[in-house]
Amino acid sequence: MPEKTYKLIELVGVSATSIEEAIQNAIARANQTLKNLDWFEVVEARGLIQEGKVNQFQVKLKVGFRLIS
């Protein structure tokens, strides 16, 4: 079986709705310009508060994609 090599990048996904949507937004955008996306890891979750309510979810992701030789 051939060995695999991955490149690792960090992304921050943002959503006004949920953490899950923030993840989907980041992956969907990365998929527009990067090929062979393989996995992700949630590193950090945070948000913005305005007038006592959650206004925005932000999720920092590590995303790995395969390098093709």
C-alpha atoms as a PDB file:
ATOM      1  CA  MET A   1       0.000   0.000   0.000  1.00  0.00           C
ATOM      2  CA  PRO A   2       1.424   3.417  -0.923  1.00  0.00           C
ATOM      3  CA  GLU A   3       2.271   5.821   1.884  1.00  0.00           C
ATOM      4  CA  LYS A   4       0.209   8.998   2.231  1.00  0.00           C
ATOM      5  CA  THR A   5       1.508  12.479   2.994  1.00  0.00           C
ATOM      6  CA  TYR A   6      -0.723  15.263   4.258  1.00  0.00           C
ATOM      7  CA  LYS A   7      -0.499  19.036   4.322  1.00  0.00           C
ATOM      8  CA  LEU A   8      -2.068  20.644   7.393  1.00  0.00           C
ATOM      9  CA  ILE A   9      -3.749  24.063   7.409  1.00  0.00           C
ATOM     10  CA  GLU A  10      -5.781  26.035   9.936  1.00  0.00           C
ATOM     11  CA  LEU A  11      -9.150  27.573   9.126  1.00  0.00           C
ATOM     12  CA  VAL A  12     -11.712  29.538  11.093  1.00  0.00           C
ATOM     13  CA  GLY A  13     -15.333  28.934  10.157  1.00  0.00           C
ATOM     14  CA  VAL A  14     -17.992  31.461  11.118  1.00  0.00           C
ATOM     15  CA  SER A  15     -21.767  31.190  11.450  1.00  0.00           C
ATOM     16  CA  ALA A  16     -24.576  33.145  13.045  1.00  0.00           C
ATOM     17  CA  THR A  17     -26.511  29.888  13.549  1.00  0.00           C
ATOM     18  CA  SER A  18     -24.354  27.114  15.046  1.00  0.00           C
ATOM     19  CA  ILE A  19     -20.954  25.539  15.568  1.00  0.00           C
ATOM     20  CA  GLU A  20     -21.864  22.802  13.089  1.00  0.00           C
ATOM     21  CA  GLU A  21     -22.685  25.358  10.402  1.00  0.00           C
ATOM     22  CA  ALA A  22     -19.406  27.184  11.086  1.00  0.00           C
ATOM     23  CA  ILE A  23     -17.546  23.904  10.440  1.00  0.00           C
ATOM     24  CA  GLN A  24     -19.523  23.260   7.243  1.00  0.00           C
ATOM     25  CA  ASN A  25     -18.846  26.820   6.027  1.00  0.00           C
ATOM     26  CA  ALA A  26     -15.092  26.482   6.530  1.00  0.00           C
ATOM     27  CA  ILE A  27     -14.890  23.079   4.810  1.00  0.00           C
ATOM     28  CA  ALA A  28     -17.115  24.154   1.899  1.00  0.00           C
ATOM     29  CA  ARG A  29     -15.005  27.249   1.263  1.00  0.00           C
ATOM     30  CA  ALA A  30     -11.705  25.354   1.496  1.00  0.00           C
ATOM     31  CA  ASN A  31     -13.061  22.756  -0.925  1.00  0.00           C
ATOM     32  CA  GLN A  32     -13.443  25.462  -3.591  1.00  0.00           C
ATOM     33  CA  THR A  33      -9.679  25.902  -3.883  1.00  0.00           C
ATOM     34  CA  LEU A  34      -8.087  22.831  -2.266  1.00  0.00           C
ATOM     35  CA  LYS A  35      -8.308  19.267  -3.499  1.00  0.00           C
ATOM     36  CA  ASN A  36      -8.127  15.959  -1.629  1.00  0.00           C
ATOM     37  CA  LEU A  37      -9.495  17.264   1.689  1.00  0.00           C
ATOM     38  CA  ASP A  38      -9.435  14.227   3.962  1.00  0.00           C
ATOM     39  CA  TRP A  39     -10.068  15.106   7.607  1.00  0.00           C
ATOM     40  CA  PHE A  40     -10.542  17.897  10.120  1.00  0.00           C
ATOM     41  CA  GLU A  41     -10.077  18.441  13.831  1.00  0.00           C
ATOM     42  CA  VAL A  42     -11.889  21.077  15.902  1.00  0.00           C
ATOM     43  CA  VAL A  43      -9.192  22.895  17.845  1.00  0.00           C
ATOM     44  CA  GLU A  44     -11.161  25.729  19.411  1.00  0.00           C
ATOM     45  CA  ALA A  45     -14.707  27.026  19.592  1.00  0.00           C
ATOM     46  CA  ARG A  46     -15.586  30.571  20.553  1.00  0.00           C
ATOM     47  CA  GLY A  47     -18.214  33.185  19.829  1.00  0.00           C
ATOM     48  CA  LEU A  48     -19.258  36.788  19.955  1.00  0.00           C
ATOM     49  CA  ILE A  49     -21.804  38.170  22.379  1.00  0.00           C
ATOM     50  CA  GLN A  50     -23.845  41.257  21.568  1.00  0.00           C
ATOM     51  CA  GLU A  51     -26.515  42.694  23.831  1.00  0.00           C
ATOM     52  CA  GLY A  52     -26.382  39.612  26.046  1.00  0.00           C
ATOM     53  CA  LYS A  53     -26.995  37.106  23.226  1.00  0.00           C
ATOM     54  CA  VAL A  54     -24.782  34.870  21.140  1.00  0.00           C
ATOM     55  CA  ASN A  55     -24.284  36.697  17.858  1.00  0.00           C
ATOM     56  CA  GLN A  56     -21.712  34.535  16.079  1.00  0.00           C
ATOM     57  CA  PHE A  57     -20.007  31.156  16.392  1.00  0.00           C
ATOM     58  CA  GLN A  58     -16.344  30.817  15.402  1.00  0.00           C
ATOM     59  CA  VAL A  59     -14.611  27.450  15.116  1.00  0.00           C
ATOM     60  CA  LYS A  60     -10.886  26.968  14.547  1.00  0.00           C
ATOM     61  CA  LEU A  61     -10.147  23.802  12.550  1.00  0.00           C
ATOM     62  CA  LYS A  62      -7.069  21.903  11.508  1.00  0.00           C
ATOM     63  CA  VAL A  63      -7.721  20.457   8.047  1.00  0.00           C
ATOM     64  CA  GLY A  64      -5.586  17.813   6.383  1.00  0.00           C
ATOM     65  CA  PHE A  65      -5.410  17.186   2.655  1.00  0.00           C
ATOM     66  CA  ARG A  66      -3.460  14.536   0.800  1.00  0.00           C
ATOM     67  CA  LEU A  67      -0.487  15.528  -1.307  1.00  0.00           C
ATOM     68  CA  ILE A  68      -0.498  13.646  -4.580  1.00  0.00           C
ATOM     69  CA  SER A  69       2.832  12.706  -6.109  1.00  0.00           C
END
